[in-house]
Amino acid sequence: MTTRFASAAEMMSRVLGMPDYRFAQIGHPVSSATDDELRAMARTAIEQGKSMLLKA
């Protein structure tokens, strides 16, 4: 999810009964990002995902 749409995703998770649903967030916009910027965003999302999955 890009930061621009995070508030909408948080609202939808509450509406759907999962108020604590977590998701990775990357910068916005993606469409104009360079290849290097996209790689950095992917690394960010991977690290966030690992943190969510491995949370004890």
PDB file of N, CA and C in Angstrom:
ATOM      1  N   MET A   1       0.847  -1.158   0.000  1.00  0.00           N
ATOM      2  CA  MET A   1       0.000   0.000   0.000  1.00  0.00           C
ATOM      3  C   MET A   1       0.899   1.229   0.000  1.00  0.00           C
ATOM      4  N   THR A   2       0.567   2.206  -0.814  1.00  0.00           N
ATOM      5  CA  THR A   2       1.346   3.438  -0.757  1.00  0.00           C
ATOM      6  C   THR A   2       0.818   4.324   0.365  1.00  0.00           C
ATOM      7  N   THR A   3       1.689   5.192   0.855  1.00  0.00           N
ATOM      8  CA  THR A   3       1.319   6.051   1.977  1.00  0.00           C
ATOM      9  C   THR A   3       0.100   6.907   1.659  1.00  0.00           C
ATOM     10  N   ARG A   4      -0.080   7.250   0.414  1.00  0.00           N
ATOM     11  CA  ARG A   4      -1.219   8.089   0.005  1.00  0.00           C
ATOM     12  C   ARG A   4      -2.557   7.424   0.292  1.00  0.00           C
ATOM     13  N   PHE A   5      -2.606   6.099   0.233  1.00  0.00           N
ATOM     14  CA  PHE A   5      -3.862   5.362   0.392  1.00  0.00           C
ATOM     15  C   PHE A   5      -3.947   4.588   1.698  1.00  0.00           C
ATOM     16  N   ALA A   6      -2.998   4.778   2.588  1.00  0.00           N
ATOM     17  CA  ALA A   6      -2.978   4.033   3.853  1.00  0.00           C
ATOM     18  C   ALA A   6      -4.210   4.321   4.707  1.00  0.00           C
ATOM     19  N   SER A   7      -4.637   5.570   4.765  1.00  0.00           N
ATOM     20  CA  SER A   7      -5.806   5.889   5.601  1.00  0.00           C
ATOM     21  C   SER A   7      -7.062   5.187   5.070  1.00  0.00           C
ATOM     22  N   ALA A   8      -7.197   5.080   3.759  1.00  0.00           N
ATOM     23  CA  ALA A   8      -8.341   4.361   3.190  1.00  0.00           C
ATOM     24  C   ALA A   8      -8.262   2.870   3.525  1.00  0.00           C
ATOM     25  N   ALA A   9      -7.075   2.303   3.476  1.00  0.00           N
ATOM     26  CA  ALA A   9      -6.909   0.884   3.817  1.00  0.00           C
ATOM     27  C   ALA A   9      -7.208   0.643   5.298  1.00  0.00           C
ATOM     28  N   GLU A  10      -6.782   1.558   6.151  1.00  0.00           N
ATOM     29  CA  GLU A  10      -7.071   1.420   7.582  1.00  0.00           C
ATOM     30  C   GLU A  10      -8.581   1.493   7.833  1.00  0.00           C
ATOM     31  N   MET A  11      -9.267   2.408   7.157  1.00  0.00           N
ATOM     32  CA  MET A  11     -10.716   2.512   7.300  1.00  0.00           C
ATOM     33  C   MET A  11     -11.404   1.227   6.842  1.00  0.00           C
ATOM     34  N   MET A  12     -10.966   0.695   5.694  1.00  0.00           N
ATOM     35  CA  MET A  12     -11.575  -0.539   5.185  1.00  0.00           C
ATOM     36  C   MET A  12     -11.341  -1.715   6.126  1.00  0.00           C
ATOM     37  N   SER A  13     -10.168  -1.780   6.734  1.00  0.00           N
ATOM     38  CA  SER A  13      -9.913  -2.886   7.659  1.00  0.00           C
ATOM     39  C   SER A  13     -10.840  -2.784   8.867  1.00  0.00           C
ATOM     40  N   ARG A  14     -11.112  -1.562   9.333  1.00  0.00           N
ATOM     41  CA  ARG A  14     -12.060  -1.393  10.445  1.00  0.00           C
ATOM     42  C   ARG A  14     -13.470  -1.792  10.015  1.00  0.00           C
ATOM     43  N   VAL A  15     -13.887  -1.334   8.835  1.00  0.00           N
ATOM     44  CA  VAL A  15     -15.228  -1.642   8.329  1.00  0.00           C
ATOM     45  C   VAL A  15     -15.411  -3.151   8.173  1.00  0.00           C
ATOM     46  N   LEU A  16     -14.358  -3.838   7.774  1.00  0.00           N
ATOM     47  CA  LEU A  16     -14.436  -5.283   7.553  1.00  0.00           C
ATOM     48  C   LEU A  16     -14.192  -6.092   8.825  1.00  0.00           C
ATOM     49  N   GLY A  17     -14.099  -5.398   9.964  1.00  0.00           N
ATOM     50  CA  GLY A  17     -13.987  -6.097  11.241  1.00  0.00           C
ATOM     51  C   GLY A  17     -12.591  -6.519  11.630  1.00  0.00           C
ATOM     52  N   MET A  18     -11.573  -5.953  10.998  1.00  0.00           N
ATOM     53  CA  MET A  18     -10.191  -6.293  11.329  1.00  0.00           C
ATOM     54  C   MET A  18      -9.416  -5.004  11.630  1.00  0.00           C
ATOM     55  N   PRO A  19      -9.766  -4.317  12.730  1.00  0.00           N
ATOM     56  CA  PRO A  19      -9.172  -3.006  12.996  1.00  0.00           C
ATOM     57  C   PRO A  19      -7.659  -3.026  13.216  1.00  0.00           C
ATOM     58  N   ASP A  20      -7.112  -4.164  13.578  1.00  0.00           N
ATOM     59  CA  ASP A  20      -5.670  -4.255  13.828  1.00  0.00           C
ATOM     60  C   ASP A  20      -4.895  -4.827  12.655  1.00  0.00           C
ATOM     61  N   TYR A  21      -5.542  -4.953  11.493  1.00  0.00           N
ATOM     62  CA  TYR A  21      -4.880  -5.502  10.307  1.00  0.00           C
ATOM     63  C   TYR A  21      -3.691  -4.629   9.923  1.00  0.00           C
ATOM     64  N   ARG A  22      -2.554  -5.255   9.739  1.00  0.00           N
ATOM     65  CA  ARG A  22      -1.348  -4.518   9.389  1.00  0.00           C
ATOM     66  C   ARG A  22      -0.967  -4.786   7.941  1.00  0.00           C
ATOM     67  N   PHE A  23      -0.349  -3.815   7.321  1.00  0.00           N
ATOM     68  CA  PHE A  23       0.104  -3.968   5.938  1.00  0.00           C
ATOM     69  C   PHE A  23       1.340  -3.114   5.733  1.00  0.00           C
ATOM     70  N   ALA A  24       2.137  -3.512   4.774  1.00  0.00           N
ATOM     71  CA  ALA A  24       3.352  -2.763   4.454  1.00  0.00           C
ATOM     72  C   ALA A  24       2.970  -1.481   3.727  1.00  0.00           C
ATOM     73  N   GLN A  25       3.750  -0.442   3.981  1.00  0.00           N
ATOM     74  CA  GLN A  25       3.521   0.834   3.311  1.00  0.00           C
ATOM     75  C   GLN A  25       4.795   1.282   2.609  1.00  0.00           C
ATOM     76  N   ILE A  26       4.620   1.741   1.382  1.00  0.00           N
ATOM     77  CA  ILE A  26       5.741   2.281   0.626  1.00  0.00           C
ATOM     78  C   ILE A  26       5.400   3.702   0.185  1.00  0.00           C
ATOM     79  N   GLY A  27       6.394   4.404  -0.307  1.00  0.00           N
ATOM     80  CA  GLY A  27       6.192   5.780  -0.743  1.00  0.00           C
ATOM     81  C   GLY A  27       5.239   5.899  -1.920  1.00  0.00           C
ATOM     82  N   HIS A  28       4.790   7.108  -2.110  1.00  0.00           N
ATOM     83  CA  HIS A  28       3.864   7.405  -3.194  1.00  0.00           C
ATOM     84  C   HIS A  28       4.428   8.600  -3.962  1.00  0.00           C
ATOM     85  N   PRO A  29       4.345   8.616  -5.231  1.00  0.00           N
ATOM     86  CA  PRO A  29       3.730   7.658  -6.145  1.00  0.00           C
ATOM     87  C   PRO A  29       4.721   6.577  -6.596  1.00  0.00           C
ATOM     88  N   VAL A  30       4.181   5.517  -7.103  1.00  0.00           N
ATOM     89  CA  VAL A  30       4.994   4.421  -7.625  1.00  0.00           C
ATOM     90  C   VAL A  30       5.204   4.591  -9.138  1.00  0.00           C
ATOM     91  N   SER A  31       4.212   5.119  -9.806  1.00  0.00           N
ATOM     92  CA  SER A  31       4.250   5.182 -11.276  1.00  0.00           C
ATOM     93  C   SER A  31       5.419   5.997 -11.830  1.00  0.00           C
ATOM     94  N   SER A  32       5.871   6.985 -11.099  1.00  0.00           N
ATOM     95  CA  SER A  32       6.970   7.812 -11.599  1.00  0.00           C
ATOM     96  C   SER A  32       8.312   7.476 -10.943  1.00  0.00           C
ATOM     97  N   ALA A  33       8.348   6.428 -10.148  1.00  0.00           N
ATOM     98  CA  ALA A  33       9.583   6.043  -9.466  1.00  0.00           C
ATOM     99  C   ALA A  33      10.576   5.421 -10.443  1.00  0.00           C
ATOM    100  N   THR A  34      11.839   5.666 -10.184  1.00  0.00           N
ATOM    101  CA  THR A  34      12.894   5.055 -10.994  1.00  0.00           C
ATOM    102  C   THR A  34      13.063   3.597 -10.575  1.00  0.00           C
ATOM    103  N   ASP A  35      13.828   2.855 -11.340  1.00  0.00           N
ATOM    104  CA  ASP A  35      14.089   1.458 -10.981  1.00  0.00           C
ATOM    105  C   ASP A  35      14.748   1.366  -9.605  1.00  0.00           C
ATOM    106  N   ASP A  36      15.695   2.238  -9.333  1.00  0.00           N
ATOM    107  CA  ASP A  36      16.358   2.220  -8.028  1.00  0.00           C
ATOM    108  C   ASP A  36      15.385   2.560  -6.900  1.00  0.00           C
ATOM    109  N   GLU A  37      14.513   3.513  -7.139  1.00  0.00           N
ATOM    110  CA  GLU A  37      13.511   3.862  -6.131  1.00  0.00           C
ATOM    111  C   GLU A  37      12.544   2.709  -5.895  1.00  0.00           C
ATOM    112  N   LEU A  38      12.153   2.018  -6.964  1.00  0.00           N
ATOM    113  CA  LEU A  38      11.266   0.861  -6.819  1.00  0.00           C
ATOM    114  C   LEU A  38      11.948  -0.255  -6.037  1.00  0.00           C
ATOM    115  N   ARG A  39      13.232  -0.462  -6.291  1.00  0.00           N
ATOM    116  CA  ARG A  39      13.968  -1.475  -5.523  1.00  0.00           C
ATOM    117  C   ARG A  39      13.997  -1.112  -4.039  1.00  0.00           C
ATOM    118  N   ALA A  40      14.224   0.155  -3.746  1.00  0.00           N
ATOM    119  CA  ALA A  40      14.238   0.606  -2.349  1.00  0.00           C
ATOM    120  C   ALA A  40      12.865   0.420  -1.709  1.00  0.00           C
ATOM    121  N   MET A  41      11.808   0.727  -2.445  1.00  0.00           N
ATOM    122  CA  MET A  41      10.452   0.528  -1.927  1.00  0.00           C
ATOM    123  C   MET A  41      10.186  -0.949  -1.664  1.00  0.00           C
ATOM    124  N   ALA A  42      10.640  -1.796  -2.568  1.00  0.00           N
ATOM    125  CA  ALA A  42      10.463  -3.239  -2.392  1.00  0.00           C
ATOM    126  C   ALA A  42      11.205  -3.718  -1.144  1.00  0.00           C
ATOM    127  N   ARG A  43      12.428  -3.232  -0.943  1.00  0.00           N
ATOM    128  CA  ARG A  43      13.182  -3.610   0.262  1.00  0.00           C
ATOM    129  C   ARG A  43      12.439  -3.167   1.519  1.00  0.00           C
ATOM    130  N   THR A  44      11.879  -1.976   1.480  1.00  0.00           N
ATOM    131  CA  THR A  44      11.105  -1.470   2.618  1.00  0.00           C
ATOM    132  C   THR A  44       9.914  -2.377   2.905  1.00  0.00           C
ATOM    133  N   ALA A  45       9.171  -2.724   1.865  1.00  0.00           N
ATOM    134  CA  ALA A  45       7.995  -3.590   2.037  1.00  0.00           C
ATOM    135  C   ALA A  45       8.398  -4.965   2.551  1.00  0.00           C
ATOM    136  N   ILE A  46       9.501  -5.498   2.051  1.00  0.00           N
ATOM    137  CA  ILE A  46       9.977  -6.805   2.516  1.00  0.00           C
ATOM    138  C   ILE A  46      10.325  -6.752   3.996  1.00  0.00           C
ATOM    139  N   GLU A  47      11.038  -5.719   4.414  1.00  0.00           N
ATOM    140  CA  GLU A  47      11.416  -5.593   5.825  1.00  0.00           C
ATOM    141  C   GLU A  47      10.188  -5.444   6.715  1.00  0.00           C
ATOM    142  N   GLN A  48       9.231  -4.644   6.267  1.00  0.00           N
ATOM    143  CA  GLN A  48       7.993  -4.491   7.043  1.00  0.00           C
ATOM    144  C   GLN A  48       7.238  -5.818   7.126  1.00  0.00           C
ATOM    145  N   GLY A  49       7.157  -6.520   6.011  1.00  0.00           N
ATOM    146  CA  GLY A  49       6.484  -7.815   5.993  1.00  0.00           C
ATOM    147  C   GLY A  49       7.152  -8.830   6.895  1.00  0.00           C
ATOM    148  N   LYS A  50       8.479  -8.885   6.850  1.00  0.00           N
ATOM    149  CA  LYS A  50       9.215  -9.794   7.736  1.00  0.00           C
ATOM    150  C   LYS A  50       8.933  -9.464   9.188  1.00  0.00           C
ATOM    151  N   SER A  51       8.916  -8.196   9.508  1.00  0.00           N
ATOM    152  CA  SER A  51       8.641  -7.769  10.878  1.00  0.00           C
ATOM    153  C   SER A  51       7.253  -8.213  11.328  1.00  0.00           C
ATOM    154  N   MET A  52       6.281  -8.086  10.436  1.00  0.00           N
ATOM    155  CA  MET A  52       4.915  -8.503  10.776  1.00  0.00           C
ATOM    156  C   MET A  52       4.812 -10.015  10.939  1.00  0.00           C
ATOM    157  N   LEU A  53       5.463 -10.749  10.059  1.00  0.00           N
ATOM    158  CA  LEU A  53       5.373 -12.210  10.097  1.00  0.00           C
ATOM    159  C   LEU A  53       6.152 -12.824  11.252  1.00  0.00           C
ATOM    160  N   LEU A  54       7.244 -12.206  11.624  1.00  0.00           N
ATOM    161  CA  LEU A  54       8.107 -12.781  12.646  1.00  0.00           C
ATOM    162  C   LEU A  54       7.887 -12.196  14.027  1.00  0.00           C
ATOM    163  N   LYS A  55       6.888 -11.326  14.150  1.00  0.00           N
ATOM    164  CA  LYS A  55       6.573 -10.711  15.450  1.00  0.00           C
ATOM    165  C   LYS A  55       6.207 -11.803  16.437  1.00  0.00           C
ATOM    166  N   ALA A  56       6.877 -11.802  17.562  1.00  0.00           N
ATOM    167  CA  ALA A  56       6.631 -12.853  18.575  1.00  0.00           C
ATOM    168  C   ALA A  56       5.472 -12.497  19.471  1.00  0.00           C
TER     169      ALA A  56
END
